[in-house]
């Protein structure tokens, strides 16, 4: 279980990142390409991503594994690609030897490249630099406007949620397994990880690529960062400007699901009315339910969904 202990001071010091960061999104994109969850949303994107990656990118898959529990040096909090690549090089001199064993044990490929990397072999570091650049050009650069759109829509939504319903609701809506015990934020998923913020607060960072439980990392400032799945994952962000604020936040299909649920509907009825698959409906409703926008209950064999007061309020406000 992930458990984050807040003090009273921490609860007043929860803020959002100002923008998505290229190296963080690159790492999340590489992780997302290897995951197998949310196939209805990410399946086609994963197929295209893996086919489009050049061979020189493959070593990165030894470093960045699907669970997201990866060495932080390869995803620095830098505002540009070049700054990020320089930060990766700089961090190389400080790699701890004990970390090599953990990373090598998780790598699907051979460990020789990783050992060379930790041994400060110049050729290995040049290889890492080239792999990061190539992966960025394929996975991130062409989609940067959509990445920003997803990020900004999520921050706008959760800022409003924070103002209207408080920090507990805003954080609990980041994952279906998230909740609170006293002043501890908890996510009932492995691996086990527990921290005390000790007055430093928390920086929230949505990612349109990440699909797992919220991840914790340490910011250079000493604060902790909570990286969580953006409400609208990249495959649901349209290529052009959204038609409305609700589409920008949820994606067109997910917004349509919420709009239909002003009246109670079953999963099958949603699939029929929107002409989408049952697995796709299930993934959309799971996300909307985690955000507190709909409720779901079972009536015999039927699964019934309906918008909550918060969901109806969002519809009336236009997002």
Protein backbone atom coordinates (compact mmCIF):
# COMPACT_ATOMS: atom_id res chain seq x y z
CA UNK A 1 0.00 0.00 0.00
CA UNK A 2 1.12 3.55 -0.76
CA UNK A 3 0.68 5.72 2.34
CA UNK A 4 1.44 9.45 2.57
CA UNK A 5 1.19 11.08 6.00
CA UNK A 6 0.15 14.74 6.05
CA UNK A 7 0.59 17.26 8.83
CA UNK A 8 -1.75 20.24 9.11
CA UNK A 9 0.94 22.33 7.40
CA UNK A 10 1.17 19.85 4.53
CA UNK A 11 -2.57 20.04 3.92
CA UNK A 12 -2.20 23.77 3.27
CA UNK A 13 0.79 23.21 0.99
CA UNK A 14 -0.59 21.05 -1.82
CA UNK A 15 0.04 22.67 -5.21
CA UNK A 16 -0.01 21.69 -8.87
CA UNK A 17 2.93 21.61 -11.25
CA UNK A 18 2.80 24.56 -13.65
CA UNK A 19 3.36 22.53 -16.82
CA UNK A 20 4.18 19.03 -18.09
CA UNK A 21 7.88 18.21 -18.22
CA UNK A 22 9.44 16.62 -21.33
CA UNK A 23 11.65 14.02 -19.65
CA UNK A 24 8.96 12.95 -17.20
CA UNK A 25 6.45 12.49 -20.02
CA UNK A 26 9.04 10.64 -22.08
CA UNK A 27 9.64 8.20 -19.23
CA UNK A 28 5.88 7.73 -18.74
CA UNK A 29 5.39 7.18 -22.48
CA UNK A 30 8.05 4.46 -22.52
CA UNK A 31 6.45 2.85 -19.48
CA UNK A 32 2.97 3.10 -21.02
CA UNK A 33 4.15 1.40 -24.21
CA UNK A 34 5.01 -1.72 -22.15
CA UNK A 35 1.92 -1.87 -19.93
CA UNK A 36 -1.05 -4.12 -20.65
CA UNK A 37 -3.85 -2.35 -18.75
CA UNK A 38 -6.60 -0.13 -20.20
CA UNK A 39 -6.35 -1.82 -23.59
CA UNK A 40 -9.60 -0.23 -24.80
CA UNK A 41 -7.96 3.20 -24.50
CA UNK A 42 -4.25 2.50 -24.95
CA UNK A 43 -4.20 -0.69 -27.05
CA UNK A 44 -4.01 0.95 -30.49
CA UNK A 45 -1.60 3.63 -29.27
CA UNK A 46 0.72 0.96 -27.82
CA UNK A 47 0.72 -0.97 -31.07
CA UNK A 48 1.70 2.12 -33.07
CA UNK A 49 4.25 3.24 -30.48
CA UNK A 50 6.12 -0.05 -30.31
CA UNK A 51 6.18 -0.38 -34.08
CA UNK A 52 7.47 3.17 -34.50
CA UNK A 53 10.33 3.01 -32.02
CA UNK A 54 13.75 2.66 -33.68
CA UNK A 55 16.07 -0.09 -32.52
CA UNK A 56 18.41 2.33 -30.74
CA UNK A 57 15.62 3.05 -28.20
CA UNK A 58 15.43 -0.57 -26.98
CA UNK A 59 18.04 -0.21 -24.19
CA UNK A 60 15.72 2.26 -22.46
CA UNK A 61 13.31 -0.58 -21.82
CA UNK A 62 15.93 -2.08 -19.49
CA UNK A 63 15.81 1.09 -17.40
CA UNK A 64 12.12 1.98 -17.54
CA UNK A 65 9.83 -0.86 -16.56
CA UNK A 66 6.01 -1.03 -16.76
CA UNK A 67 5.29 -0.55 -13.04
CA UNK A 68 6.82 2.94 -13.04
CA UNK A 69 9.13 2.18 -10.08
CA UNK A 70 12.18 3.31 -11.99
CA UNK A 71 15.50 5.12 -11.36
CA UNK A 72 14.67 8.79 -11.14
CA UNK A 73 17.84 10.08 -12.77
CA UNK A 74 16.48 9.31 -16.23
CA UNK A 75 13.36 11.47 -15.73
CA UNK A 76 14.65 14.80 -14.33
CA UNK A 77 12.33 17.73 -13.61
CA UNK A 78 13.64 19.86 -16.47
CA UNK A 79 11.60 22.27 -18.58
CA UNK A 80 13.24 21.45 -21.92
CA UNK A 81 14.65 18.34 -23.55
CA UNK A 82 18.18 19.73 -23.68
CA UNK A 83 18.11 20.72 -20.02
CA UNK A 84 16.81 17.26 -19.20
CA UNK A 85 19.50 15.46 -21.15
CA UNK A 86 22.17 17.57 -19.44
CA UNK A 87 20.65 16.72 -16.06
CA UNK A 88 20.73 13.00 -16.91
CA UNK A 89 24.45 13.27 -17.74
CA UNK A 90 25.14 15.19 -14.54
CA UNK A 91 23.26 12.64 -12.44
CA UNK A 92 25.33 9.84 -13.94
CA UNK A 93 28.30 10.65 -11.74
CA UNK A 94 26.15 10.12 -8.64
CA UNK A 95 24.58 6.75 -9.47
CA UNK A 96 24.67 4.50 -6.43
CA UNK A 97 26.23 1.05 -7.00
CA UNK A 98 23.48 -0.68 -5.01
CA UNK A 99 20.87 0.71 -7.41
CA UNK A 100 22.49 -1.20 -10.30
CA UNK A 101 21.54 -4.55 -8.80
CA UNK A 102 17.88 -3.54 -8.47
CA UNK A 103 17.69 -2.17 -12.02
CA UNK A 104 19.57 -5.08 -13.58
CA UNK A 105 17.32 -7.60 -11.82
CA UNK A 106 14.27 -6.01 -13.46
CA UNK A 107 15.74 -5.61 -16.93
CA UNK A 108 14.46 -8.01 -19.62
CA UNK A 109 17.67 -7.69 -21.64
CA UNK A 110 21.29 -8.36 -20.79
CA UNK A 111 22.95 -6.43 -17.97
CA UNK A 112 26.18 -5.53 -19.76
CA UNK A 113 24.94 -2.16 -21.01
CA UNK A 114 23.60 -1.27 -17.57
CA UNK A 115 26.88 -2.22 -15.92
CA UNK A 116 28.74 -0.06 -18.44
CA UNK A 117 26.37 2.82 -17.71
CA UNK A 118 26.96 2.58 -13.97
CA UNK A 119 30.68 2.22 -14.68
CA UNK A 120 30.67 5.63 -16.43
CA UNK A 121 31.56 4.15 -19.81
CA UNK A 122 31.39 7.03 -22.30
CA UNK A 123 30.01 4.91 -25.13
CA UNK A 124 27.19 3.64 -22.93
CA UNK A 125 26.27 7.20 -21.93
CA UNK A 126 26.34 8.33 -25.57
CA UNK A 127 24.04 5.41 -26.33
CA UNK A 128 21.65 6.52 -23.58
CA UNK A 129 21.63 10.09 -24.88
CA UNK A 130 20.85 8.92 -28.43
CA UNK A 131 18.13 6.57 -27.23
CA UNK A 132 16.42 9.32 -25.22
CA UNK A 133 16.53 11.74 -28.15
CA UNK A 134 15.12 9.18 -30.58
CA UNK A 135 12.35 8.12 -28.20
CA UNK A 136 11.40 11.75 -27.57
CA UNK A 137 11.10 12.47 -31.28
CA UNK A 138 8.74 9.52 -31.76
CA UNK A 139 6.67 9.43 -28.57
CA UNK A 140 6.53 12.97 -27.23
CA UNK A 141 7.48 15.74 -29.67
CA UNK A 142 4.67 15.15 -32.20
CA UNK A 143 2.06 15.10 -29.43
CA UNK A 144 3.26 17.92 -27.18
CA UNK A 145 0.20 20.18 -27.76
CA UNK A 146 -2.11 17.30 -26.81
CA UNK A 147 0.03 16.46 -23.78
CA UNK A 148 -0.28 20.07 -22.61
CA UNK A 149 -4.03 20.04 -23.26
CA UNK A 150 -4.52 16.94 -21.13
CA UNK A 151 -2.31 18.33 -18.36
CA UNK A 152 -4.00 21.74 -18.26
CA UNK A 153 -7.52 20.30 -18.34
CA UNK A 154 -6.76 17.98 -15.41
CA UNK A 155 -5.20 20.77 -13.34
CA UNK A 156 -8.19 23.03 -14.05
CA UNK A 157 -10.61 20.31 -12.99
CA UNK A 158 -8.80 19.34 -9.79
CA UNK A 159 -8.22 22.96 -8.82
CA UNK A 160 -11.96 23.43 -8.95
CA UNK A 161 -12.51 20.15 -7.11
CA UNK A 162 -10.07 21.27 -4.43
CA UNK A 163 -11.87 24.60 -4.00
CA UNK A 164 -15.35 23.07 -3.89
CA UNK A 165 -14.76 19.84 -1.97
CA UNK A 166 -11.32 20.00 -0.34
CA UNK A 167 -8.05 18.14 -0.51
CA UNK A 168 -9.50 14.76 0.49
CA UNK A 169 -11.80 14.55 -2.53
CA UNK A 170 -9.21 16.03 -4.89
CA UNK A 171 -6.60 13.39 -4.00
CA UNK A 172 -9.00 10.46 -3.58
CA UNK A 173 -10.15 11.03 -7.16
CA UNK A 174 -6.68 10.28 -8.57
CA UNK A 175 -7.21 6.50 -8.47
CA UNK A 176 -10.06 4.04 -7.80
CA UNK A 177 -8.12 2.48 -4.90
CA UNK A 178 -7.24 5.83 -3.28
CA UNK A 179 -8.70 7.08 -0.01
CA UNK A 180 -7.87 8.44 3.41
CA UNK A 181 -7.32 7.09 6.92
CA UNK A 182 -7.19 10.06 9.24
CA UNK A 183 -4.59 12.41 7.77
CA UNK A 184 -2.90 9.69 5.71
CA UNK A 185 -3.58 9.45 1.98
CA UNK A 186 -3.58 5.78 0.95
CA UNK A 187 -3.69 3.80 -2.28
CA UNK A 188 -4.37 0.10 -1.78
CA UNK A 189 -1.93 -1.17 -4.40
CA UNK A 190 1.58 -2.63 -4.35
CA UNK A 191 4.41 -1.92 -3.93
CA UNK A 192 4.36 -0.84 -0.29
CA UNK A 193 5.72 2.66 0.21
CA UNK A 194 5.24 5.03 3.15
CA UNK A 195 6.45 8.59 3.66
CA UNK A 196 5.85 11.52 6.00
CA UNK A 197 5.75 14.87 4.26
CA UNK A 198 6.93 16.62 7.45
CA UNK A 199 5.62 20.04 6.49
CA UNK A 200 7.14 20.13 3.00
CA UNK A 201 3.79 19.69 1.25
CA UNK A 202 3.08 17.88 -2.00
CA UNK A 203 3.34 18.80 -5.68
CA UNK A 204 0.67 17.23 -7.92
CA UNK A 205 1.55 16.29 -11.50
CA UNK A 206 -0.92 14.60 -13.88
CA UNK A 207 0.42 12.56 -16.80
CA UNK A 208 -1.61 11.63 -19.90
CA UNK A 209 0.56 8.51 -20.35
CA UNK A 210 0.51 6.99 -16.87
CA UNK A 211 -2.26 4.45 -16.14
CA UNK A 212 -1.26 2.89 -12.81
CA UNK A 213 -1.52 3.91 -9.17
CA UNK A 214 -0.14 7.34 -8.20
CA UNK A 215 3.67 7.42 -8.04
CA UNK A 216 5.81 9.29 -5.52
CA UNK A 217 9.15 10.89 -6.30
CA UNK A 218 11.34 13.51 -4.68
CA UNK A 219 11.68 16.93 -6.28
CA UNK A 220 15.10 18.64 -6.22
CA UNK A 221 13.55 21.22 -3.87
CA UNK A 222 13.01 18.49 -1.27
CA UNK A 223 9.25 18.32 -1.75
CA UNK A 224 7.58 15.13 -2.87
CA UNK A 225 5.80 14.85 -6.21
CA UNK A 226 2.65 12.77 -6.70
CA UNK A 227 2.39 11.75 -10.33
CA UNK A 228 -1.04 10.36 -11.23
CA UNK A 229 -3.07 9.49 -14.34
CA UNK A 230 -4.58 12.56 -16.01
CA UNK A 231 -8.34 12.46 -16.36
CA UNK A 232 -7.97 12.38 -20.15
CA UNK A 233 -5.22 9.99 -21.34
CA UNK A 234 -3.37 10.91 -24.51
CA UNK A 235 -5.31 8.58 -26.87
CA UNK A 236 -8.55 10.39 -25.95
CA UNK A 237 -7.21 13.90 -26.58
CA UNK A 238 -8.34 15.16 -29.98
CA UNK A 239 -5.75 16.42 -32.48
CA UNK A 240 -7.29 19.90 -32.63
CA UNK A 241 -8.85 22.32 -30.15
CA UNK A 242 -11.57 20.74 -28.04
CA UNK A 243 -15.14 21.73 -28.87
CA UNK A 244 -15.79 22.66 -25.25
CA UNK A 245 -14.24 22.65 -21.80
CA UNK A 246 -15.87 19.32 -20.98
CA UNK A 247 -14.36 17.66 -24.04
CA UNK A 248 -10.96 19.12 -23.13
CA UNK A 249 -11.17 17.64 -19.66
CA UNK A 250 -12.66 14.23 -20.35
CA UNK A 251 -12.16 13.57 -24.05
CA UNK A 252 -15.14 13.51 -26.40
CA UNK A 253 -16.26 9.93 -25.72
CA UNK A 254 -15.87 10.14 -21.96
CA UNK A 255 -17.74 13.46 -21.92
CA UNK A 256 -20.53 11.80 -23.91
CA UNK A 257 -20.70 8.98 -21.36
CA UNK A 258 -21.15 11.49 -18.54
CA UNK A 259 -23.80 13.41 -20.46
CA UNK A 260 -25.83 10.24 -21.07
CA UNK A 261 -25.66 9.33 -17.40
CA UNK A 262 -27.85 12.22 -16.35
CA UNK A 263 -30.33 9.37 -16.77
CA UNK A 264 -29.39 5.98 -15.34
CA UNK A 265 -28.04 3.55 -17.93
CA UNK A 266 -26.50 0.11 -18.02
CA UNK A 267 -23.08 -0.67 -19.45
CA UNK A 268 -24.75 -2.32 -22.45
CA UNK A 269 -26.97 0.69 -23.09
CA UNK A 270 -23.98 3.01 -23.04
CA UNK A 271 -22.10 0.78 -25.49
CA UNK A 272 -25.13 0.72 -27.79
CA UNK A 273 -25.89 4.44 -27.62
CA UNK A 274 -22.27 5.48 -28.20
CA UNK A 275 -21.37 2.64 -30.58
CA UNK A 276 -18.31 1.63 -28.57
CA UNK A 277 -17.21 -1.69 -27.06
CA UNK A 278 -18.20 -2.95 -23.62
CA UNK A 279 -14.54 -2.93 -22.42
CA UNK A 280 -14.24 0.69 -23.55
CA UNK A 281 -17.38 1.63 -21.60
CA UNK A 282 -16.02 -0.14 -18.52
CA UNK A 283 -12.75 1.79 -18.62
CA UNK A 284 -14.51 5.13 -19.13
CA UNK A 285 -16.94 4.51 -16.27
CA UNK A 286 -14.12 3.37 -13.99
CA UNK A 287 -12.32 6.68 -14.48
CA UNK A 288 -15.48 8.75 -14.08
CA UNK A 289 -16.35 6.81 -10.93
CA UNK A 290 -12.86 7.37 -9.46
CA UNK A 291 -13.30 11.11 -10.08
CA UNK A 292 -16.58 11.10 -8.19
CA UNK A 293 -18.57 12.02 -11.30
CA UNK A 294 -20.72 8.86 -11.49
CA UNK A 295 -21.85 6.03 -9.25
CA UNK A 296 -22.23 2.38 -10.20
CA UNK A 297 -24.36 -0.31 -8.61
CA UNK A 298 -25.37 -3.82 -9.55
CA UNK A 299 -29.00 -4.82 -9.96
CA UNK A 300 -29.06 -8.55 -10.61
CA UNK A 301 -26.97 -9.11 -13.73
CA UNK A 302 -27.22 -5.49 -14.82
CA UNK A 303 -24.61 -2.86 -13.91
CA UNK A 304 -26.27 0.54 -13.54
CA UNK A 305 -24.47 3.87 -13.83
CA UNK A 306 -25.67 7.40 -13.09
CA UNK A 307 -24.13 10.85 -12.70
CA UNK A 308 -23.49 12.15 -9.20
CA UNK A 309 -24.30 15.67 -8.06
CA UNK A 310 -20.69 16.57 -8.78
CA UNK A 311 -21.00 15.15 -12.30
CA UNK A 312 -24.21 17.05 -12.99
CA UNK A 313 -22.62 20.22 -11.65
CA UNK A 314 -19.71 19.73 -14.04
CA UNK A 315 -22.10 19.28 -16.98
CA UNK A 316 -24.02 22.44 -16.08
CA UNK A 317 -20.86 24.49 -15.78
CA UNK A 318 -19.46 23.26 -19.09
CA UNK A 319 -16.34 21.85 -17.31
